[in-house]
């Protein structure tokens, strides 16, 4: 019998004062600290409490497609491809309409001003509404006509227990070293986070599971445990970079979109790294004077590489990272072996 989330609200736990103080000195926008949320003790800002139960009770539709994964694992890339595949290859709309308007990021922590759509911090109420009101992205997801493609960074434990019985979910995984480097740049880019340190300092927090939305291994483990469910498709970022057509064929089969190889090649071309980076619809850094981004930092669509973390970590950083892999991955249950070997 599914858990009744109406009578069992999502639990939150405050961080130790010493840890809170450390995070507040390194993240310019964490002045109110962070909370540990749910059984996985995921780090989220305190205003998330307004919406945790709304996420846990969100009504997914049978024709929904959810793109899920830890931040910087390839979810935006996958989101763009899936939207095009499920919307009759409407590349014109995809090029001219922001992705977050076409395919809402349900649990966004960051507000951006996007053309044609008032996008505010989902965890903060509209200025003319009370605290029980949903944020803009959650409201957008609820009102969007079918078929919906919804992006989510929350783990399974903070979503409805019946999600895999309700719709199709695509989980995108990426090597934690590359995720860490990419996430570091994102945390410096976003004003809502404003990380002030260098990569070595960020890696230290990463290995202590003290980054926003962490821990990484818990997030991955929750999804890996469900990998055999017929409504879950597991994708590896590395496989998409190596042979995108093959992965698109897997997506086509999973989504039952019935596209030809030529049509899938069109999707691949449309969603190439160069094209994603060149379009404001997918690269937030190209939106003129975006109030949500710190000037002078790396772009939202940055490099798209695999294995580059080995070039960014010093020998001491690699040793710390490997120790985290060995201990962290064993402490949460089963995780993909390819990310813990070699």
Protein backbone atom coordinates (compact mmCIF):
# COMPACT_ATOMS: atom_id res chain seq x y z
CA UNK A 1 0.00 0.00 0.00
CA UNK A 2 1.44 3.40 -0.96
CA UNK A 3 2.48 5.72 1.81
CA UNK A 4 -0.08 8.41 2.58
CA UNK A 5 1.93 11.58 2.26
CA UNK A 6 -1.07 13.66 3.44
CA UNK A 7 -0.67 12.20 6.91
CA UNK A 8 3.09 11.79 6.74
CA UNK A 9 4.73 15.10 5.80
CA UNK A 10 8.29 15.20 4.53
CA UNK A 11 10.65 15.55 7.48
CA UNK A 12 13.31 18.26 7.65
CA UNK A 13 16.31 18.53 9.96
CA UNK A 14 18.54 21.56 10.71
CA UNK A 15 22.25 21.30 10.10
CA UNK A 16 24.67 21.63 13.01
CA UNK A 17 25.40 25.31 13.76
CA UNK A 18 29.11 24.89 12.97
CA UNK A 19 28.30 23.46 9.53
CA UNK A 20 25.71 26.17 8.89
CA UNK A 21 28.27 28.84 9.68
CA UNK A 22 30.83 27.25 7.36
CA UNK A 23 28.35 27.12 4.47
CA UNK A 24 27.23 30.68 5.04
CA UNK A 25 30.80 31.90 4.68
CA UNK A 26 31.35 30.02 1.42
CA UNK A 27 27.98 30.56 -0.26
CA UNK A 28 26.93 34.19 -0.53
CA UNK A 29 23.20 33.39 -0.78
CA UNK A 30 22.90 30.84 2.04
CA UNK A 31 22.37 33.48 4.71
CA UNK A 32 19.42 31.50 6.12
CA UNK A 33 21.30 28.22 6.05
CA UNK A 34 20.23 24.86 4.64
CA UNK A 35 18.12 21.94 5.81
CA UNK A 36 18.54 18.19 5.56
CA UNK A 37 15.36 16.89 3.95
CA UNK A 38 13.76 13.45 3.89
CA UNK A 39 15.29 10.04 4.63
CA UNK A 40 18.22 10.75 2.31
CA UNK A 41 19.05 13.97 4.20
CA UNK A 42 19.22 16.03 1.01
CA UNK A 43 20.42 19.63 1.41
CA UNK A 44 17.82 22.23 0.42
CA UNK A 45 17.14 25.85 1.45
CA UNK A 46 14.70 26.36 4.35
CA UNK A 47 11.96 27.89 2.19
CA UNK A 48 11.58 24.48 0.49
CA UNK A 49 9.31 23.55 3.39
CA UNK A 50 6.52 25.49 1.71
CA UNK A 51 6.46 23.06 -1.20
CA UNK A 52 7.83 19.67 -0.16
CA UNK A 53 4.37 18.23 0.40
CA UNK A 54 3.22 19.65 -2.93
CA UNK A 55 6.00 17.75 -4.70
CA UNK A 56 5.21 14.59 -2.75
CA UNK A 57 1.58 14.83 -3.89
CA UNK A 58 2.11 16.14 -7.42
CA UNK A 59 -0.34 14.55 -9.87
CA UNK A 60 1.50 13.05 -12.79
CA UNK A 61 -0.44 12.11 -15.91
CA UNK A 62 -0.16 8.86 -17.88
CA UNK A 63 1.39 10.64 -20.87
CA UNK A 64 3.91 12.63 -18.82
CA UNK A 65 7.62 12.10 -19.36
CA UNK A 66 9.84 13.02 -16.41
CA UNK A 67 13.53 13.68 -16.98
CA UNK A 68 15.31 13.17 -13.67
CA UNK A 69 18.89 13.21 -12.44
CA UNK A 70 21.38 14.92 -10.16
CA UNK A 71 22.20 18.45 -11.38
CA UNK A 72 24.72 18.70 -14.24
CA UNK A 73 24.24 15.09 -15.30
CA UNK A 74 22.80 15.87 -18.74
CA UNK A 75 19.17 16.48 -17.83
CA UNK A 76 18.86 19.72 -19.84
CA UNK A 77 20.28 17.99 -22.92
CA UNK A 78 17.92 15.02 -22.48
CA UNK A 79 15.01 17.34 -21.75
CA UNK A 80 15.48 19.13 -25.07
CA UNK A 81 15.68 15.88 -27.05
CA UNK A 82 12.66 14.35 -25.35
CA UNK A 83 10.56 17.48 -25.83
CA UNK A 84 11.29 17.48 -29.57
CA UNK A 85 10.60 13.75 -29.87
CA UNK A 86 7.25 14.01 -28.09
CA UNK A 87 6.16 17.21 -29.89
CA UNK A 88 6.28 16.17 -33.54
CA UNK A 89 9.83 17.44 -34.10
CA UNK A 90 8.68 21.04 -33.72
CA UNK A 91 12.18 22.50 -33.98
CA UNK A 92 10.86 25.97 -34.78
CA UNK A 93 9.13 26.26 -31.42
CA UNK A 94 12.11 24.65 -29.70
CA UNK A 95 14.49 27.21 -31.16
CA UNK A 96 12.33 30.23 -30.36
CA UNK A 97 10.76 29.30 -27.02
CA UNK A 98 12.76 28.92 -23.79
CA UNK A 99 13.07 25.31 -22.69
CA UNK A 100 11.88 26.14 -19.18
CA UNK A 101 8.64 27.48 -20.65
CA UNK A 102 8.06 24.44 -22.86
CA UNK A 103 9.23 21.93 -20.28
CA UNK A 104 9.12 23.21 -16.69
CA UNK A 105 11.87 22.44 -14.22
CA UNK A 106 9.46 21.41 -11.46
CA UNK A 107 11.69 21.92 -8.42
CA UNK A 108 13.90 24.77 -9.55
CA UNK A 109 15.77 26.64 -6.83
CA UNK A 110 16.66 29.53 -9.08
CA UNK A 111 14.56 32.28 -10.64
CA UNK A 112 15.22 33.62 -14.11
CA UNK A 113 13.41 36.22 -16.16
CA UNK A 114 12.58 34.45 -19.38
CA UNK A 115 10.91 36.10 -22.38
CA UNK A 116 7.18 35.52 -22.39
CA UNK A 117 7.05 33.78 -19.02
CA UNK A 118 7.25 35.12 -15.49
CA UNK A 119 9.73 32.75 -13.88
CA UNK A 120 10.33 33.41 -10.21
CA UNK A 121 11.91 31.34 -7.49
CA UNK A 122 9.56 28.40 -7.11
CA UNK A 123 10.15 28.25 -3.37
CA UNK A 124 9.09 31.87 -2.84
CA UNK A 125 5.50 33.01 -3.09
CA UNK A 126 4.30 35.54 -5.60
CA UNK A 127 4.40 38.98 -3.95
CA UNK A 128 0.61 39.36 -4.06
CA UNK A 129 -0.23 35.88 -2.76
CA UNK A 130 0.02 34.13 0.59
CA UNK A 131 2.56 31.50 1.61
CA UNK A 132 0.33 28.58 0.63
CA UNK A 133 0.52 29.55 -3.05
CA UNK A 134 2.63 27.52 -5.44
CA UNK A 135 5.62 29.02 -7.19
CA UNK A 136 5.69 29.84 -10.87
CA UNK A 137 7.34 26.67 -12.17
CA UNK A 138 5.16 24.34 -10.14
CA UNK A 139 2.06 26.22 -11.31
CA UNK A 140 3.37 26.08 -14.87
CA UNK A 141 3.83 22.31 -14.66
CA UNK A 142 0.32 21.84 -13.28
CA UNK A 143 -1.33 23.94 -15.99
CA UNK A 144 0.72 22.80 -18.99
CA UNK A 145 -1.31 20.80 -21.55
CA UNK A 146 -0.35 17.24 -22.35
CA UNK A 147 1.98 15.78 -23.33
CA UNK A 148 4.18 17.26 -20.61
CA UNK A 149 7.94 16.86 -20.35
CA UNK A 150 8.95 17.74 -16.81
CA UNK A 151 12.47 18.08 -15.46
CA UNK A 152 13.15 17.12 -11.83
CA UNK A 153 16.30 17.13 -9.68
CA UNK A 154 14.55 15.87 -6.55
CA UNK A 155 15.24 12.23 -5.67
CA UNK A 156 12.56 9.54 -5.79
CA UNK A 157 12.06 9.66 -2.00
CA UNK A 158 10.73 13.23 -2.20
CA UNK A 159 8.27 12.49 -5.00
CA UNK A 160 4.98 10.55 -5.02
CA UNK A 161 5.61 6.85 -4.31
CA UNK A 162 3.39 6.02 -7.28
CA UNK A 163 5.32 8.08 -9.83
CA UNK A 164 6.52 5.05 -11.83
CA UNK A 165 3.00 3.68 -11.91
CA UNK A 166 1.72 7.03 -13.17
CA UNK A 167 4.11 8.02 -15.97
CA UNK A 168 7.45 7.37 -17.66
CA UNK A 169 10.69 8.49 -16.04
CA UNK A 170 14.10 8.89 -17.68
CA UNK A 171 16.98 8.96 -15.21
CA UNK A 172 20.23 10.48 -16.50
CA UNK A 173 23.47 9.58 -14.73
CA UNK A 174 26.96 11.01 -15.19
CA UNK A 175 30.36 10.28 -13.65
CA UNK A 176 30.53 12.10 -10.28
CA UNK A 177 33.91 13.65 -11.11
CA UNK A 178 32.50 15.43 -14.14
CA UNK A 179 29.32 16.30 -12.23
CA UNK A 180 31.38 17.84 -9.44
CA UNK A 181 33.40 20.06 -11.80
CA UNK A 182 30.34 21.16 -13.76
CA UNK A 183 28.36 21.76 -10.58
CA UNK A 184 31.20 23.88 -9.19
CA UNK A 185 30.94 26.21 -12.18
CA UNK A 186 27.14 26.33 -11.90
CA UNK A 187 27.28 27.16 -8.19
CA UNK A 188 29.55 30.08 -8.99
CA UNK A 189 27.30 31.19 -11.85
CA UNK A 190 23.96 31.27 -10.01
CA UNK A 191 23.27 34.30 -7.85
CA UNK A 192 20.90 32.20 -5.76
CA UNK A 193 23.93 30.15 -4.64
CA UNK A 194 26.96 32.44 -5.15
CA UNK A 195 29.75 30.02 -4.23
CA UNK A 196 32.87 32.07 -3.48
CA UNK A 197 35.58 29.42 -3.29
CA UNK A 198 37.78 27.54 -5.74
CA UNK A 199 37.40 24.01 -7.10
CA UNK A 200 39.46 22.45 -4.33
CA UNK A 201 37.22 24.01 -1.68
CA UNK A 202 34.13 22.86 -3.56
CA UNK A 203 35.49 19.30 -3.83
CA UNK A 204 36.00 19.27 -0.07
CA UNK A 205 32.33 20.16 0.46
CA UNK A 206 31.30 17.68 -2.24
CA UNK A 207 33.15 14.83 -0.52
CA UNK A 208 31.51 15.76 2.79
CA UNK A 209 28.03 15.74 1.14
CA UNK A 210 27.64 19.45 1.86
CA UNK A 211 26.54 20.75 -1.54
CA UNK A 212 23.06 21.86 -2.51
CA UNK A 213 20.87 18.85 -3.44
CA UNK A 214 23.50 16.39 -2.25
CA UNK A 215 24.34 13.67 -1.38
CA UNK A 216 25.09 12.47 -4.91
CA UNK A 217 25.33 8.76 -4.04
CA UNK A 218 21.97 8.69 -2.25
CA UNK A 219 20.28 10.30 -5.24
CA UNK A 220 21.86 7.80 -7.61
CA UNK A 221 21.17 4.81 -5.37
CA UNK A 222 17.45 5.57 -5.08
CA UNK A 223 17.10 5.53 -8.86
CA UNK A 224 19.39 2.53 -9.40
CA UNK A 225 17.18 0.47 -7.09
CA UNK A 226 14.27 1.06 -9.50
CA UNK A 227 16.20 0.51 -12.75
CA UNK A 228 14.29 -2.65 -13.73
CA UNK A 229 10.87 -0.99 -13.58
CA UNK A 230 9.35 -0.94 -17.10
CA UNK A 231 8.50 2.76 -16.78
CA UNK A 232 12.07 3.78 -15.95
CA UNK A 233 14.75 4.26 -18.59
CA UNK A 234 18.31 4.64 -17.32
CA UNK A 235 20.63 6.72 -19.50
CA UNK A 236 24.34 7.37 -19.09
CA UNK A 237 25.70 10.74 -20.16
CA UNK A 238 28.87 9.02 -21.37
CA UNK A 239 26.88 6.70 -23.65
CA UNK A 240 25.02 9.65 -25.16
CA UNK A 241 28.31 11.39 -25.92
CA UNK A 242 29.77 8.22 -27.45
CA UNK A 243 26.86 7.11 -29.64
CA UNK A 244 23.90 9.49 -29.50
CA UNK A 245 21.96 7.81 -32.29
CA UNK A 246 21.96 4.51 -30.41
CA UNK A 247 20.69 6.22 -27.25
CA UNK A 248 18.06 8.10 -29.23
CA UNK A 249 16.86 4.79 -30.61
CA UNK A 250 16.51 3.54 -27.04
CA UNK A 251 14.57 6.67 -26.18
CA UNK A 252 12.35 6.24 -29.24
CA UNK A 253 11.52 2.68 -28.21
CA UNK A 254 10.85 3.69 -24.59
CA UNK A 255 8.67 6.63 -25.54
CA UNK A 256 6.98 4.82 -28.46
CA UNK A 257 7.44 7.90 -30.65
CA UNK A 258 7.98 5.83 -33.81
CA UNK A 259 10.63 8.08 -35.35
CA UNK A 260 12.73 7.05 -38.32
CA UNK A 261 16.51 7.03 -38.23
CA UNK A 262 16.56 10.19 -40.32
CA UNK A 263 14.23 11.92 -37.87
CA UNK A 264 16.39 10.82 -34.95
CA UNK A 265 19.41 12.26 -36.73
CA UNK A 266 17.51 15.55 -36.98
CA UNK A 267 16.97 15.44 -33.21
CA UNK A 268 20.66 14.76 -32.71
CA UNK A 269 21.64 17.69 -34.91
CA UNK A 270 19.17 20.05 -33.25
CA UNK A 271 20.41 19.10 -29.78
CA UNK A 272 24.13 19.03 -30.54
CA UNK A 273 26.33 20.73 -27.97
CA UNK A 274 27.19 23.54 -30.37
CA UNK A 275 23.54 24.26 -31.13
CA UNK A 276 22.43 24.00 -27.49
CA UNK A 277 25.19 26.42 -26.50
CA UNK A 278 24.34 28.89 -29.29
CA UNK A 279 20.61 29.25 -28.48
CA UNK A 280 19.15 31.43 -25.69
CA UNK A 281 16.29 28.90 -25.50
CA UNK A 282 18.68 26.38 -23.95
CA UNK A 283 21.68 28.44 -22.82
CA UNK A 284 20.54 30.79 -20.06
CA UNK A 285 23.81 32.70 -20.28
CA UNK A 286 22.70 34.13 -23.63
CA UNK A 287 19.62 35.82 -22.16
CA UNK A 288 20.53 39.54 -22.10
CA UNK A 289 21.21 40.86 -18.61
CA UNK A 290 19.80 37.79 -16.90
CA UNK A 291 19.28 38.80 -13.26
CA UNK A 292 19.90 35.28 -12.00
CA UNK A 293 23.48 34.89 -13.23
CA UNK A 294 26.78 36.20 -11.91
CA UNK A 295 28.76 38.12 -14.54
CA UNK A 296 32.17 36.84 -15.56
CA UNK A 297 31.52 33.16 -14.79
CA UNK A 298 31.39 30.14 -17.13
CA UNK A 299 28.26 29.80 -19.26
CA UNK A 300 25.26 27.68 -18.26
CA UNK A 301 26.03 25.40 -21.23
CA UNK A 302 29.74 25.20 -20.60
CA UNK A 303 31.86 22.34 -22.00
CA UNK A 304 29.90 19.10 -22.30
CA UNK A 305 32.98 16.92 -21.93
CA UNK A 306 33.48 13.47 -20.41
CA UNK A 307 36.43 12.59 -18.20
CA UNK A 308 37.68 16.17 -17.94
CA UNK A 309 37.66 15.98 -14.14
CA UNK A 310 41.00 14.14 -14.22
CA UNK A 311 42.54 17.23 -15.81
CA UNK A 312 41.05 19.56 -13.19
CA UNK A 313 41.90 17.64 -10.00
CA UNK A 314 45.38 17.71 -8.51
CA UNK A 315 46.87 14.45 -7.21
CA UNK A 316 45.73 15.35 -3.70
CA UNK A 317 42.23 16.12 -4.95
CA UNK A 318 42.10 12.83 -6.84
CA UNK A 319 43.05 10.93 -3.69
CA UNK A 320 40.31 12.67 -1.70
CA UNK A 321 37.79 12.07 -4.46
CA UNK A 322 38.66 8.37 -4.76
CA UNK A 323 38.31 7.90 -1.00
CA UNK A 324 34.87 9.49 -1.21
CA UNK A 325 33.91 7.15 -4.07
CA UNK A 326 34.99 4.07 -2.11
CA UNK A 327 33.30 4.99 1.16
CA UNK A 328 30.29 6.97 -0.06
CA UNK A 329 29.13 4.54 -2.72
CA UNK A 330 29.19 1.64 -0.26
CA UNK A 331 27.15 3.45 2.36
CA UNK A 332 23.92 3.90 0.42
CA UNK A 333 23.19 0.56 -1.19
CA UNK A 334 23.71 -0.41 -4.82
CA UNK A 335 25.00 2.12 -7.38
CA UNK A 336 26.16 1.76 -11.01
CA UNK A 337 29.45 -0.20 -10.95
CA UNK A 338 30.89 1.84 -13.80
CA UNK A 339 31.16 4.87 -11.49
CA UNK A 340 33.01 3.08 -8.71
CA UNK A 341 35.62 1.16 -10.66
CA UNK A 342 38.82 2.49 -12.22
